[in-house]
Amino acid sequence: MIRTGWGAVRSAWKDTTTDERGDVPGWVLVTLMTAGLVVAIWALAGPALANLFTDAISRVSGF
């Protein structure tokens, strides 16, 4: 049966407003794991990047 008029609008509205909120705990876990990876990589690469920056600045300033 094809709905027309307000019946179609109500039916379409019910289809789009289901109680589907997504996987919030999953997104929280992904966010926390990403932040953890960033912190771990920063801890490992931070000193090397700082030395690289210092060397580059000293070479530019030395000329």
N, C-alpha and C. Protein backbone atom coordinates (compact mmCIF):
# COMPACT_ATOMS: atom_id res chain seq x y z
N MET A 1 0.83 -1.17 0.00
CA MET A 1 0.00 0.00 0.00
C MET A 1 0.88 1.25 0.00
N ILE A 2 0.63 2.17 -0.86
CA ILE A 2 1.39 3.41 -0.97
C ILE A 2 0.68 4.47 -0.15
N ARG A 3 1.43 5.11 0.74
CA ARG A 3 0.85 6.15 1.58
C ARG A 3 1.03 7.50 0.92
N THR A 4 0.03 8.32 1.06
CA THR A 4 0.11 9.68 0.53
C THR A 4 -0.31 10.65 1.61
N GLY A 5 0.07 11.89 1.47
CA GLY A 5 -0.34 12.92 2.42
C GLY A 5 0.37 12.79 3.74
N TRP A 6 -0.37 13.11 4.83
CA TRP A 6 0.22 13.08 6.15
C TRP A 6 0.63 11.69 6.60
N GLY A 7 -0.03 10.69 6.08
CA GLY A 7 0.37 9.31 6.42
C GLY A 7 1.78 9.01 5.95
N ALA A 8 2.11 9.50 4.76
CA ALA A 8 3.46 9.30 4.23
C ALA A 8 4.49 10.07 5.05
N VAL A 9 4.12 11.29 5.45
CA VAL A 9 5.04 12.11 6.25
C VAL A 9 5.28 11.46 7.59
N ARG A 10 4.20 11.02 8.25
CA ARG A 10 4.36 10.33 9.54
C ARG A 10 5.19 9.08 9.41
N SER A 11 4.95 8.30 8.37
CA SER A 11 5.70 7.07 8.16
C SER A 11 7.17 7.35 7.93
N ALA A 12 7.46 8.36 7.11
CA ALA A 12 8.86 8.72 6.85
C ALA A 12 9.53 9.23 8.11
N TRP A 13 8.80 10.02 8.92
CA TRP A 13 9.37 10.55 10.15
C TRP A 13 9.68 9.43 11.13
N LYS A 14 8.78 8.44 11.24
CA LYS A 14 9.02 7.31 12.13
C LYS A 14 10.23 6.51 11.70
N ASP A 15 10.45 6.40 10.39
CA ASP A 15 11.58 5.63 9.89
C ASP A 15 12.91 6.31 10.21
N THR A 16 12.93 7.64 10.27
CA THR A 16 14.19 8.35 10.50
C THR A 16 14.44 8.66 11.96
N THR A 17 13.46 8.51 12.82
CA THR A 17 13.64 8.83 14.23
C THR A 17 13.59 7.57 15.09
N THR A 18 14.25 6.53 14.65
CA THR A 18 14.31 5.33 15.47
C THR A 18 15.23 5.59 16.65
N ASP A 19 15.20 4.74 17.60
CA ASP A 19 16.00 4.91 18.81
C ASP A 19 17.41 4.34 18.60
N GLU A 20 18.06 4.76 17.55
CA GLU A 20 19.40 4.27 17.24
C GLU A 20 20.39 5.39 17.50
N ARG A 21 21.07 5.31 18.61
CA ARG A 21 21.97 6.39 19.01
C ARG A 21 23.41 6.11 18.62
N GLY A 22 23.69 4.97 18.09
CA GLY A 22 25.06 4.63 17.72
C GLY A 22 25.76 3.92 18.85
N ASP A 23 26.99 3.59 18.61
CA ASP A 23 27.78 2.83 19.55
C ASP A 23 28.67 3.78 20.34
N VAL A 24 28.10 4.45 21.34
CA VAL A 24 28.83 5.47 22.10
C VAL A 24 30.02 4.86 22.84
N PRO A 25 29.90 3.75 23.56
CA PRO A 25 31.07 3.20 24.23
C PRO A 25 32.18 2.82 23.24
N GLY A 26 31.81 2.39 22.06
CA GLY A 26 32.81 2.07 21.05
C GLY A 26 33.58 3.30 20.61
N TRP A 27 32.85 4.42 20.41
CA TRP A 27 33.52 5.65 19.99
C TRP A 27 34.40 6.20 21.11
N VAL A 28 33.97 6.05 22.35
CA VAL A 28 34.79 6.49 23.47
C VAL A 28 36.07 5.67 23.52
N LEU A 29 35.96 4.37 23.31
CA LEU A 29 37.13 3.50 23.32
C LEU A 29 38.09 3.86 22.19
N VAL A 30 37.57 4.11 21.00
CA VAL A 30 38.41 4.49 19.87
C VAL A 30 39.12 5.81 20.16
N THR A 31 38.41 6.76 20.75
CA THR A 31 39.00 8.06 21.06
C THR A 31 40.11 7.92 22.10
N LEU A 32 39.86 7.15 23.15
CA LEU A 32 40.87 6.96 24.18
C LEU A 32 42.09 6.21 23.66
N MET A 33 41.86 5.22 22.81
CA MET A 33 42.99 4.47 22.24
C MET A 33 43.81 5.35 21.31
N THR A 34 43.15 6.21 20.54
CA THR A 34 43.87 7.12 19.66
C THR A 34 44.70 8.10 20.48
N ALA A 35 44.12 8.64 21.53
CA ALA A 35 44.86 9.56 22.40
C ALA A 35 46.05 8.85 23.04
N GLY A 36 45.87 7.61 23.44
CA GLY A 36 46.97 6.83 24.01
C GLY A 36 48.10 6.61 23.01
N LEU A 37 47.74 6.32 21.77
CA LEU A 37 48.76 6.14 20.74
C LEU A 37 49.52 7.43 20.47
N VAL A 38 48.80 8.54 20.44
CA VAL A 38 49.46 9.83 20.22
C VAL A 38 50.45 10.12 21.35
N VAL A 39 50.05 9.88 22.59
CA VAL A 39 50.94 10.11 23.73
C VAL A 39 52.16 9.19 23.66
N ALA A 40 51.95 7.93 23.32
CA ALA A 40 53.07 6.99 23.25
C ALA A 40 54.05 7.36 22.13
N ILE A 41 53.52 7.71 20.97
CA ILE A 41 54.39 8.09 19.85
C ILE A 41 55.12 9.39 20.18
N TRP A 42 54.42 10.34 20.80
CA TRP A 42 55.04 11.61 21.18
C TRP A 42 56.17 11.37 22.19
N ALA A 43 55.95 10.44 23.14
CA ALA A 43 56.98 10.14 24.14
C ALA A 43 58.22 9.54 23.49
N LEU A 44 58.02 8.72 22.48
CA LEU A 44 59.16 8.09 21.81
C LEU A 44 59.85 9.03 20.83
N ALA A 45 59.09 9.78 20.08
CA ALA A 45 59.65 10.62 19.01
C ALA A 45 59.92 12.05 19.45
N GLY A 46 59.39 12.47 20.58
CA GLY A 46 59.53 13.85 21.04
C GLY A 46 60.98 14.31 21.17
N PRO A 47 61.82 13.57 21.90
CA PRO A 47 63.22 14.00 22.03
C PRO A 47 63.96 14.05 20.68
N ALA A 48 63.70 13.09 19.82
CA ALA A 48 64.36 13.09 18.51
C ALA A 48 63.91 14.28 17.68
N LEU A 49 62.64 14.61 17.72
CA LEU A 49 62.14 15.77 16.98
C LEU A 49 62.68 17.08 17.57
N ALA A 50 62.81 17.14 18.88
CA ALA A 50 63.37 18.33 19.52
C ALA A 50 64.83 18.52 19.10
N ASN A 51 65.59 17.43 19.08
CA ASN A 51 66.99 17.51 18.64
C ASN A 51 67.08 17.91 17.17
N LEU A 52 66.21 17.37 16.35
CA LEU A 52 66.20 17.71 14.93
C LEU A 52 65.91 19.20 14.74
N PHE A 53 64.95 19.71 15.49
CA PHE A 53 64.61 21.13 15.40
C PHE A 53 65.77 22.00 15.88
N THR A 54 66.38 21.62 16.99
CA THR A 54 67.50 22.39 17.52
C THR A 54 68.67 22.41 16.55
N ASP A 55 68.99 21.26 15.95
CA ASP A 55 70.07 21.19 14.96
C ASP A 55 69.76 22.05 13.74
N ALA A 56 68.53 22.01 13.28
CA ALA A 56 68.16 22.79 12.10
C ALA A 56 68.28 24.29 12.39
N ILE A 57 67.82 24.72 13.56
CA ILE A 57 67.90 26.14 13.91
C ILE A 57 69.37 26.57 14.08
N SER A 58 70.19 25.71 14.68
CA SER A 58 71.60 26.07 14.86
C SER A 58 72.33 26.14 13.52
N ARG A 59 71.97 25.29 12.57
CA ARG A 59 72.60 25.33 11.25
C ARG A 59 72.18 26.58 10.49
N VAL A 60 70.93 26.98 10.61
CA VAL A 60 70.46 28.19 9.92
C VAL A 60 71.09 29.42 10.57
N SER A 61 71.17 29.44 11.88
CA SER A 61 71.74 30.59 12.59
C SER A 61 73.25 30.67 12.43
N GLY A 62 73.91 29.54 12.17
CA GLY A 62 75.36 29.50 12.06
C GLY A 62 75.89 30.18 10.81
N PHE A 63 75.09 30.32 9.79
CA PHE A 63 75.57 30.94 8.55
C PHE A 63 75.48 32.39 8.70
